[in-house]
Amino acid sequence: MKISSLHNPKIRYLLSLSKSARRKADNVFVIEGLREISRAYTNKFEMDSVFLCPEILTKDASDWLMNIKNTIEVYEITREIYKKIAYRENVDGIIVLARARKLVLDEIDPGINPLILIMESVEKPGNLGAVLRSADAAGVNVVIICDPKTDIYNPNVIRSSLGCIFSKQVVVCDSNSAIRYLNNKNIKIFSAALQDAIPYTKADLTGPSAIVLGSEARGLSQIWREKAEKVIKIPMYGIADSLNVSVSAGILIFEALRQRKSHYQE
């Protein structure tokens, strides 16, 4: 089917999904770019419809469509419409409307010796996306987002994660629920903070572990400090007293990965 008007109901609906409240109410979100779309498809995210612009559709995107177009409704749109609904340029001429996946704690599989990353009250979509990208690279089993200040399906989360949001078990819940879950599973909590903390390299992260980081503006709440097995810090040697939260997350989870590889190779 071809769509040539910006006033088409489907196009107007896509534009309305720029608002987080609408995405959450309808349990849908928009994905653009073949890399991100194919990663969502590979990880079995349900896709409602595809919008493509034949004038700028890349060959790779066209080949991908050949394999799936019989199972998803496809709409051809004009370049003008594409520019209006796309959040960024050069995204292969393809946009997908997909269904959000809402996991709950009881549904996740933490694995035998889990490494869990917890982000409390993360505010910036770009930071959350970067964290998810690092979590994928380090083989983190589960990412828990506690009391978030941003929608996990914000377009900037998807973009900055390079679609890695689709490869991880991502759960959104409140901090108390997350703490109960970790305690029930005998997963030790390692909370990142600067005060009254030990260097992160001194913490034993070889067993079932949850690494917890706080918000960019306010850091970690008191409850996570109180419930921690250890409070850990990244020593700072310059004039800055903190790192970007995505950088901190990368340092800590890759330290856990390093310890685990060394431990099980001995």
C-alpha atoms as a PDB file:
ATOM      1  CA  MET A   1       0.000   0.000   0.000  1.00  0.00           C
ATOM      2  CA  LYS A   2       1.238   3.501  -0.837  1.00  0.00           C
ATOM      3  CA  ILE A   3       0.842   6.554   1.393  1.00  0.00           C
ATOM      4  CA  SER A   4       1.425   9.998  -0.075  1.00  0.00           C
ATOM      5  CA  SER A   5      -0.223  12.340   2.419  1.00  0.00           C
ATOM      6  CA  LEU A   6       1.126  13.597   5.742  1.00  0.00           C
ATOM      7  CA  HIS A   7      -2.479  13.649   6.916  1.00  0.00           C
ATOM      8  CA  ASN A   8      -2.883   9.903   6.530  1.00  0.00           C
ATOM      9  CA  PRO A   9      -4.081   8.452   9.879  1.00  0.00           C
ATOM     10  CA  LYS A  10      -1.158   6.010  10.072  1.00  0.00           C
ATOM     11  CA  ILE A  11       1.371   8.801   9.558  1.00  0.00           C
ATOM     12  CA  ARG A  12      -0.337  11.024  12.093  1.00  0.00           C
ATOM     13  CA  TYR A  13      -0.244   8.118  14.541  1.00  0.00           C
ATOM     14  CA  LEU A  14       3.485   7.551  13.981  1.00  0.00           C
ATOM     15  CA  LEU A  15       4.115  11.229  14.663  1.00  0.00           C
ATOM     16  CA  SER A  16       2.115  11.015  17.896  1.00  0.00           C
ATOM     17  CA  LEU A  17       4.523   8.337  19.143  1.00  0.00           C
ATOM     18  CA  SER A  18       7.200  10.975  19.641  1.00  0.00           C
ATOM     19  CA  LYS A  19       5.484  11.408  23.026  1.00  0.00           C
ATOM     20  CA  SER A  20       6.476   8.924  25.715  1.00  0.00           C
ATOM     21  CA  ALA A  21       2.971   8.911  27.199  1.00  0.00           C
ATOM     22  CA  ARG A  22       1.470   7.747  23.906  1.00  0.00           C
ATOM     23  CA  ARG A  23       4.090   5.024  23.446  1.00  0.00           C
ATOM     24  CA  LYS A  24       3.439   3.704  26.945  1.00  0.00           C
ATOM     25  CA  ALA A  25      -0.351   3.916  26.651  1.00  0.00           C
ATOM     26  CA  ASP A  26      -0.422   1.939  23.407  1.00  0.00           C
ATOM     27  CA  ASN A  27       2.527  -0.341  24.234  1.00  0.00           C
ATOM     28  CA  VAL A  28       4.234   0.423  20.911  1.00  0.00           C
ATOM     29  CA  PHE A  29       7.340   2.217  19.719  1.00  0.00           C
ATOM     30  CA  VAL A  30       9.191   3.133  16.535  1.00  0.00           C
ATOM     31  CA  ILE A  31      12.451   1.626  15.288  1.00  0.00           C
ATOM     32  CA  GLU A  32      14.450   3.103  12.428  1.00  0.00           C
ATOM     33  CA  GLY A  33      17.562   1.832  10.704  1.00  0.00           C
ATOM     34  CA  LEU A  34      18.182  -1.688   9.408  1.00  0.00           C
ATOM     35  CA  ARG A  35      20.701  -2.645  12.111  1.00  0.00           C
ATOM     36  CA  GLU A  36      18.306  -1.824  14.940  1.00  0.00           C
ATOM     37  CA  ILE A  37      15.279  -3.281  13.152  1.00  0.00           C
ATOM     38  CA  SER A  38      16.997  -6.558  12.276  1.00  0.00           C
ATOM     39  CA  ARG A  39      18.206  -6.962  15.874  1.00  0.00           C
ATOM     40  CA  ALA A  40      14.671  -6.488  17.154  1.00  0.00           C
ATOM     41  CA  TYR A  41      13.378  -8.991  14.595  1.00  0.00           C
ATOM     42  CA  THR A  42      16.085 -11.540  15.449  1.00  0.00           C
ATOM     43  CA  ASN A  43      15.145 -11.269  19.120  1.00  0.00           C
ATOM     44  CA  LYS A  44      11.489 -11.884  18.275  1.00  0.00           C
ATOM     45  CA  PHE A  45      10.015  -8.457  18.946  1.00  0.00           C
ATOM     46  CA  GLU A  46       6.563  -8.282  17.418  1.00  0.00           C
ATOM     47  CA  MET A  47       6.362  -5.871  14.484  1.00  0.00           C
ATOM     48  CA  ASP A  48       3.067  -4.364  13.382  1.00  0.00           C
ATOM     49  CA  SER A  49       4.057  -2.620  10.177  1.00  0.00           C
ATOM     50  CA  VAL A  50       6.945  -1.413   8.024  1.00  0.00           C
ATOM     51  CA  PHE A  51       7.191   1.997   6.360  1.00  0.00           C
ATOM     52  CA  LEU A  52       9.699   2.303   3.531  1.00  0.00           C
ATOM     53  CA  CYS A  53      10.766   5.002   1.137  1.00  0.00           C
ATOM     54  CA  PRO A  54      11.703   3.376  -2.212  1.00  0.00           C
ATOM     55  CA  GLU A  55      13.785   6.422  -3.242  1.00  0.00           C
ATOM     56  CA  ILE A  56      16.285   5.983  -0.416  1.00  0.00           C
ATOM     57  CA  LEU A  57      15.843   2.324   0.554  1.00  0.00           C
ATOM     58  CA  THR A  58      19.249   0.647   0.742  1.00  0.00           C
ATOM     59  CA  LYS A  59      19.936  -2.696  -0.910  1.00  0.00           C
ATOM     60  CA  ASP A  60      20.509  -4.383   2.440  1.00  0.00           C
ATOM     61  CA  ALA A  61      17.176  -3.096   3.719  1.00  0.00           C
ATOM     62  CA  SER A  62      15.483  -4.241   0.529  1.00  0.00           C
ATOM     63  CA  ASP A  63      16.992  -7.722   0.894  1.00  0.00           C
ATOM     64  CA  TRP A  64      15.829  -7.912   4.516  1.00  0.00           C
ATOM     65  CA  LEU A  65      12.317  -6.932   3.480  1.00  0.00           C
ATOM     66  CA  MET A  66      12.212  -9.717   0.905  1.00  0.00           C
ATOM     67  CA  ASN A  67      12.508 -12.222   3.750  1.00  0.00           C
ATOM     68  CA  ILE A  68       9.824 -10.806   6.019  1.00  0.00           C
ATOM     69  CA  LYS A  69       7.323  -8.847   3.939  1.00  0.00           C
ATOM     70  CA  ASN A  70       4.799 -11.690   3.836  1.00  0.00           C
ATOM     71  CA  THR A  71       4.438 -11.594   7.617  1.00  0.00           C
ATOM     72  CA  ILE A  72       4.339  -7.825   8.253  1.00  0.00           C
ATOM     73  CA  GLU A  73       2.198  -5.155   6.621  1.00  0.00           C
ATOM     74  CA  VAL A  74       4.353  -2.920   4.396  1.00  0.00           C
ATOM     75  CA  TYR A  75       3.604   0.685   3.388  1.00  0.00           C
ATOM     76  CA  GLU A  76       5.465   2.701   0.781  1.00  0.00           C
ATOM     77  CA  ILE A  77       5.859   6.367   1.678  1.00  0.00           C
ATOM     78  CA  THR A  78       7.223   9.445  -0.066  1.00  0.00           C
ATOM     79  CA  ARG A  79      10.551  11.070   0.718  1.00  0.00           C
ATOM     80  CA  GLU A  80       8.669  14.027   2.236  1.00  0.00           C
ATOM     81  CA  ILE A  81       6.798  11.761   4.652  1.00  0.00           C
ATOM     82  CA  TYR A  82       9.936   9.804   5.479  1.00  0.00           C
ATOM     83  CA  LYS A  83      11.808  12.957   6.454  1.00  0.00           C
ATOM     84  CA  LYS A  84       8.883  13.992   8.620  1.00  0.00           C
ATOM     85  CA  ILE A  85       8.609  10.749  10.606  1.00  0.00           C
ATOM     86  CA  ALA A  86      12.315   9.824  10.824  1.00  0.00           C
ATOM     87  CA  TYR A  87      14.175  10.944  13.962  1.00  0.00           C
ATOM     88  CA  ARG A  88      17.545  10.953  12.204  1.00  0.00           C
ATOM     89  CA  GLU A  89      19.026  10.930   8.717  1.00  0.00           C
ATOM     90  CA  ASN A  90      20.619   8.058   6.820  1.00  0.00           C
ATOM     91  CA  VAL A  91      18.645   5.215   8.382  1.00  0.00           C
ATOM     92  CA  ASP A  92      18.319   2.982   5.312  1.00  0.00           C
ATOM     93  CA  GLY A  93      14.911   4.244   4.193  1.00  0.00           C
ATOM     94  CA  ILE A  94      13.023   1.944   6.548  1.00  0.00           C
ATOM     95  CA  ILE A  95      11.003   2.483   9.745  1.00  0.00           C
ATOM     96  CA  VAL A  96       9.095  -0.104  11.780  1.00  0.00           C
ATOM     97  CA  LEU A  97       6.236   0.130  14.254  1.00  0.00           C
ATOM     98  CA  ALA A  98       6.851  -2.516  16.946  1.00  0.00           C
ATOM     99  CA  ARG A  99       5.270  -3.825  20.127  1.00  0.00           C
ATOM    100  CA  ALA A 100       6.984  -3.124  23.445  1.00  0.00           C
ATOM    101  CA  ARG A 101       8.082  -6.089  25.529  1.00  0.00           C
ATOM    102  CA  LYS A 102       7.285  -5.710  29.215  1.00  0.00           C
ATOM    103  CA  LEU A 103       9.144  -8.310  31.231  1.00  0.00           C
ATOM    104  CA  VAL A 104       8.555  -8.690  34.956  1.00  0.00           C
ATOM    105  CA  LEU A 105      11.065  -9.994  37.478  1.00  0.00           C
ATOM    106  CA  ASP A 106       9.433 -13.418  37.824  1.00  0.00           C
ATOM    107  CA  GLU A 107       9.747 -13.992  34.064  1.00  0.00           C
ATOM    108  CA  ILE A 108      13.475 -13.444  33.687  1.00  0.00           C
ATOM    109  CA  ASP A 109      16.119 -16.152  33.616  1.00  0.00           C
ATOM    110  CA  PRO A 110      19.175 -14.870  35.522  1.00  0.00           C
ATOM    111  CA  GLY A 111      21.327 -17.854  34.568  1.00  0.00           C
ATOM    112  CA  ILE A 112      23.540 -20.070  36.744  1.00  0.00           C
ATOM    113  CA  ASN A 113      26.049 -17.451  37.894  1.00  0.00           C
ATOM    114  CA  PRO A 114      24.344 -14.208  36.929  1.00  0.00           C
ATOM    115  CA  LEU A 115      25.837 -10.808  36.411  1.00  0.00           C
ATOM    116  CA  ILE A 116      23.063  -8.232  36.694  1.00  0.00           C
ATOM    117  CA  LEU A 117      23.327  -4.516  36.027  1.00  0.00           C
ATOM    118  CA  ILE A 118      20.920  -2.177  37.807  1.00  0.00           C
ATOM    119  CA  MET A 119      20.373   1.445  36.853  1.00  0.00           C
ATOM    120  CA  GLU A 120      18.415   3.542  39.343  1.00  0.00           C
ATOM    121  CA  SER A 121      16.508   6.610  38.130  1.00  0.00           C
ATOM    122  CA  VAL A 122      18.537   6.977  34.949  1.00  0.00           C
ATOM    123  CA  GLU A 123      17.505  10.219  33.262  1.00  0.00           C
ATOM    124  CA  LYS A 124      19.220  10.588  29.895  1.00  0.00           C
ATOM    125  CA  PRO A 125      18.174   8.274  27.035  1.00  0.00           C
ATOM    126  CA  GLY A 126      21.619   8.453  25.439  1.00  0.00           C
ATOM    127  CA  ASN A 127      23.269   7.273  28.657  1.00  0.00           C
ATOM    128  CA  LEU A 128      20.840   4.395  29.062  1.00  0.00           C
ATOM    129  CA  GLY A 129      21.433   3.312  25.475  1.00  0.00           C
ATOM    130  CA  ALA A 130      25.209   3.410  25.940  1.00  0.00           C
ATOM    131  CA  VAL A 131      24.874   1.330  29.123  1.00  0.00           C
ATOM    132  CA  LEU A 132      22.811  -1.287  27.284  1.00  0.00           C
ATOM    133  CA  ARG A 133      25.426  -1.459  24.545  1.00  0.00           C
ATOM    134  CA  SER A 134      28.160  -2.105  27.136  1.00  0.00           C
ATOM    135  CA  ALA A 135      25.962  -4.654  28.938  1.00  0.00           C
ATOM    136  CA  ASP A 136      25.570  -6.582  25.703  1.00  0.00           C
ATOM    137  CA  ALA A 137      29.305  -6.503  25.038  1.00  0.00           C
ATOM    138  CA  ALA A 138      30.138  -7.777  28.541  1.00  0.00           C
ATOM    139  CA  GLY A 139      27.551 -10.555  28.488  1.00  0.00           C
ATOM    140  CA  VAL A 140      25.444  -9.163  31.318  1.00  0.00           C
ATOM    141  CA  ASN A 141      22.520 -11.522  31.941  1.00  0.00           C
ATOM    142  CA  VAL A 142      19.870  -9.021  32.993  1.00  0.00           C
ATOM    143  CA  VAL A 143      19.506  -5.235  33.090  1.00  0.00           C
ATOM    144  CA  ILE A 144      17.073  -3.891  35.669  1.00  0.00           C
ATOM    145  CA  ILE A 145      15.931  -0.284  35.364  1.00  0.00           C
ATOM    146  CA  CYS A 146      14.616   0.936  38.711  1.00  0.00           C
ATOM    147  CA  ASP A 147      12.338   3.965  38.981  1.00  0.00           C
ATOM    148  CA  PRO A 148      13.357   5.277  35.531  1.00  0.00           C
ATOM    149  CA  LYS A 149      13.109   8.906  34.513  1.00  0.00           C
ATOM    150  CA  THR A 150      13.129   8.036  30.818  1.00  0.00           C
ATOM    151  CA  ASP A 151      11.194   5.643  28.591  1.00  0.00           C
ATOM    152  CA  ILE A 152      13.339   2.605  27.713  1.00  0.00           C
ATOM    153  CA  TYR A 153      11.896   2.681  24.168  1.00  0.00           C
ATOM    154  CA  ASN A 154      12.816   6.310  23.595  1.00  0.00           C
ATOM    155  CA  PRO A 155      14.301   6.570  20.066  1.00  0.00           C
ATOM    156  CA  ASN A 156      17.586   7.837  21.518  1.00  0.00           C
ATOM    157  CA  VAL A 157      17.849   4.747  23.741  1.00  0.00           C
ATOM    158  CA  ILE A 158      17.416   2.496  20.721  1.00  0.00           C
ATOM    159  CA  ARG A 159      19.869   4.513  18.619  1.00  0.00           C
ATOM    160  CA  SER A 160      22.636   4.823  21.218  1.00  0.00           C
ATOM    161  CA  SER A 161      22.325   1.162  22.190  1.00  0.00           C
ATOM    162  CA  LEU A 162      22.758   0.200  18.500  1.00  0.00           C
ATOM    163  CA  GLY A 163      19.732  -2.037  19.006  1.00  0.00           C
ATOM    164  CA  CYS A 164      21.340  -3.878  21.936  1.00  0.00           C
ATOM    165  CA  ILE A 165      18.241  -3.086  23.983  1.00  0.00           C
ATOM    166  CA  PHE A 166      16.648  -5.929  22.033  1.00  0.00           C
ATOM    167  CA  SER A 167      19.338  -8.483  22.901  1.00  0.00           C
ATOM    168  CA  LYS A 168      19.103  -8.199  26.698  1.00  0.00           C
ATOM    169  CA  GLN A 169      16.523  -9.126  29.291  1.00  0.00           C
ATOM    170  CA  VAL A 170      15.472  -5.627  30.380  1.00  0.00           C
ATOM    171  CA  VAL A 171      13.084  -5.217  33.310  1.00  0.00           C
ATOM    172  CA  VAL A 172      11.556  -2.016  34.669  1.00  0.00           C
ATOM    173  CA  CYS A 173      10.497  -2.037  38.326  1.00  0.00           C
ATOM    174  CA  ASP A 174      10.839  -0.178  41.626  1.00  0.00           C
ATOM    175  CA  SER A 175      13.931  -0.501  43.808  1.00  0.00           C
ATOM    176  CA  ASN A 176      12.209  -2.406  46.627  1.00  0.00           C
ATOM    177  CA  SER A 177      10.983  -5.083  44.221  1.00  0.00           C
ATOM    178  CA  ALA A 178      14.443  -5.432  42.715  1.00  0.00           C
ATOM    179  CA  ILE A 179      16.060  -5.812  46.142  1.00  0.00           C
ATOM    180  CA  ARG A 180      13.565  -8.515  47.160  1.00  0.00           C
ATOM    181  CA  TYR A 181      14.244 -10.365  43.914  1.00  0.00           C
ATOM    182  CA  LEU A 182      18.017 -10.249  44.404  1.00  0.00           C
ATOM    183  CA  ASN A 183      17.754 -11.396  48.023  1.00  0.00           C
ATOM    184  CA  ASN A 184      15.482 -14.300  47.071  1.00  0.00           C
ATOM    185  CA  LYS A 185      17.963 -15.397  44.394  1.00  0.00           C
ATOM    186  CA  ASN A 186      20.982 -14.988  46.713  1.00  0.00           C
ATOM    187  CA  ILE A 187      22.530 -12.436  44.374  1.00  0.00           C
ATOM    188  CA  LYS A 188      24.938 -10.089  46.142  1.00  0.00           C
ATOM    189  CA  ILE A 189      24.470  -6.348  45.694  1.00  0.00           C
ATOM    190  CA  PHE A 190      27.443  -4.120  44.884  1.00  0.00           C
ATOM    191  CA  SER A 191      26.396  -0.482  44.947  1.00  0.00           C
ATOM    192  CA  ALA A 192      28.547   2.180  43.301  1.00  0.00           C
ATOM    193  CA  ALA A 193      29.063   5.352  45.346  1.00  0.00           C
ATOM    194  CA  LEU A 194      31.961   7.580  46.356  1.00  0.00           C
ATOM    195  CA  GLN A 195      31.504   7.764  50.128  1.00  0.00           C
ATOM    196  CA  ASP A 196      32.480   4.961  52.527  1.00  0.00           C
ATOM    197  CA  ALA A 197      33.347   2.669  49.645  1.00  0.00           C
ATOM    198  CA  ILE A 198      36.118   0.283  48.677  1.00  0.00           C
ATOM    199  CA  PRO A 199      37.898   0.349  45.276  1.00  0.00           C
ATOM    200  CA  TYR A 200      35.918  -1.719  42.801  1.00  0.00           C
ATOM    201  CA  THR A 201      38.914  -3.964  42.119  1.00  0.00           C
ATOM    202  CA  LYS A 202      38.806  -5.098  45.770  1.00  0.00           C
ATOM    203  CA  ALA A 203      35.266  -6.466  45.503  1.00  0.00           C
ATOM    204  CA  ASP A 204      34.772 -10.147  44.672  1.00  0.00           C
ATOM    205  CA  LEU A 205      32.461 -10.129  41.661  1.00  0.00           C
ATOM    206  CA  THR A 206      33.025 -13.758  40.666  1.00  0.00           C
ATOM    207  CA  GLY A 207      29.779 -15.045  42.187  1.00  0.00           C
ATOM    208  CA  PRO A 208      26.140 -14.092  41.489  1.00  0.00           C
ATOM    209  CA  SER A 209      26.365 -10.295  41.509  1.00  0.00           C
ATOM    210  CA  ALA A 210      24.287  -7.205  40.878  1.00  0.00           C
ATOM    211  CA  ILE A 211      26.131  -3.961  40.174  1.00  0.00           C
ATOM    212  CA  VAL A 212      24.019  -0.903  40.954  1.00  0.00           C
ATOM    213  CA  LEU A 213      24.514   2.650  39.679  1.00  0.00           C
ATOM    214  CA  GLY A 214      22.496   5.752  40.478  1.00  0.00           C
ATOM    215  CA  SER A 215      21.196   8.695  38.509  1.00  0.00           C
ATOM    216  CA  GLU A 216      23.425  11.192  36.728  1.00  0.00           C
ATOM    217  CA  ALA A 217      22.314  14.071  38.953  1.00  0.00           C
ATOM    218  CA  ARG A 218      21.751  12.575  42.400  1.00  0.00           C
ATOM    219  CA  GLY A 219      23.709   9.353  42.459  1.00  0.00           C
ATOM    220  CA  LEU A 220      22.492   6.287  44.315  1.00  0.00           C
ATOM    221  CA  SER A 221      19.665   6.370  46.850  1.00  0.00           C
ATOM    222  CA  GLN A 222      20.270   5.357  50.454  1.00  0.00           C
ATOM    223  CA  ILE A 223      18.343   2.093  50.234  1.00  0.00           C
ATOM    224  CA  TRP A 224      20.841   0.639  47.781  1.00  0.00           C
ATOM    225  CA  ARG A 225      23.743   1.629  50.016  1.00  0.00           C
ATOM    226  CA  GLU A 226      22.075   0.011  53.042  1.00  0.00           C
ATOM    227  CA  LYS A 227      21.290  -3.255  51.240  1.00  0.00           C
ATOM    228  CA  ALA A 228      24.683  -3.633  49.570  1.00  0.00           C
ATOM    229  CA  GLU A 229      27.102  -6.441  50.275  1.00  0.00           C
ATOM    230  CA  LYS A 230      29.782  -3.860  49.466  1.00  0.00           C
ATOM    231  CA  VAL A 231      29.723  -0.223  48.417  1.00  0.00           C
ATOM    232  CA  ILE A 232      32.300   0.172  45.655  1.00  0.00           C
ATOM    233  CA  LYS A 233      33.918   3.142  43.979  1.00  0.00           C
ATOM    234  CA  ILE A 234      36.036   3.981  40.973  1.00  0.00           C
ATOM    235  CA  PRO A 235      39.028   5.937  42.327  1.00  0.00           C
ATOM    236  CA  MET A 236      39.347   9.413  40.811  1.00  0.00           C
ATOM    237  CA  TYR A 237      42.764  11.002  40.285  1.00  0.00           C
ATOM    238  CA  GLY A 238      41.893  14.249  38.503  1.00  0.00           C
ATOM    239  CA  ILE A 239      39.825  17.321  39.291  1.00  0.00           C
ATOM    240  CA  ALA A 240      36.531  15.641  38.356  1.00  0.00           C
ATOM    241  CA  ASP A 241      34.731  13.818  41.158  1.00  0.00           C
ATOM    242  CA  SER A 242      32.642  11.536  38.945  1.00  0.00           C
ATOM    243  CA  LEU A 243      32.376   9.849  35.559  1.00  0.00           C
ATOM    244  CA  ASN A 244      29.527   9.665  33.089  1.00  0.00           C
ATOM    245  CA  VAL A 245      27.211   6.887  34.302  1.00  0.00           C
ATOM    246  CA  SER A 246      27.644   4.897  31.092  1.00  0.00           C
ATOM    247  CA  VAL A 247      31.433   5.008  31.462  1.00  0.00           C
ATOM    248  CA  SER A 248      31.165   3.906  35.097  1.00  0.00           C
ATOM    249  CA  ALA A 249      28.880   1.038  34.155  1.00  0.00           C
ATOM    250  CA  GLY A 250      31.322  -0.129  31.483  1.00  0.00           C
ATOM    251  CA  ILE A 251      34.271  -0.093  33.885  1.00  0.00           C
ATOM    252  CA  LEU A 252      32.442  -2.050  36.579  1.00  0.00           C
ATOM    253  CA  ILE A 253      30.839  -4.755  34.457  1.00  0.00           C
ATOM    254  CA  PHE A 254      34.040  -5.400  32.526  1.00  0.00           C
ATOM    255  CA  GLU A 255      35.884  -5.717  35.840  1.00  0.00           C
ATOM    256  CA  ALA A 256      33.353  -8.379  36.816  1.00  0.00           C
ATOM    257  CA  LEU A 257      33.950 -10.101  33.474  1.00  0.00           C
ATOM    258  CA  ARG A 258      37.741  -9.939  33.977  1.00  0.00           C
ATOM    259  CA  GLN A 259      37.502 -11.430  37.464  1.00  0.00           C
ATOM    260  CA  ARG A 260      35.226 -14.235  36.302  1.00  0.00           C
ATOM    261  CA  LYS A 261      37.470 -15.219  33.416  1.00  0.00           C
ATOM    262  CA  SER A 262      40.542 -15.204  35.653  1.00  0.00           C
ATOM    263  CA  HIS A 263      38.757 -17.107  38.416  1.00  0.00           C
ATOM    264  CA  TYR A 264      37.413 -19.923  36.251  1.00  0.00           C
ATOM    265  CA  GLN A 265      40.636 -20.309  34.289  1.00  0.00           C
ATOM    266  CA  GLU A 266      42.646 -21.007  37.452  1.00  0.00           C
END
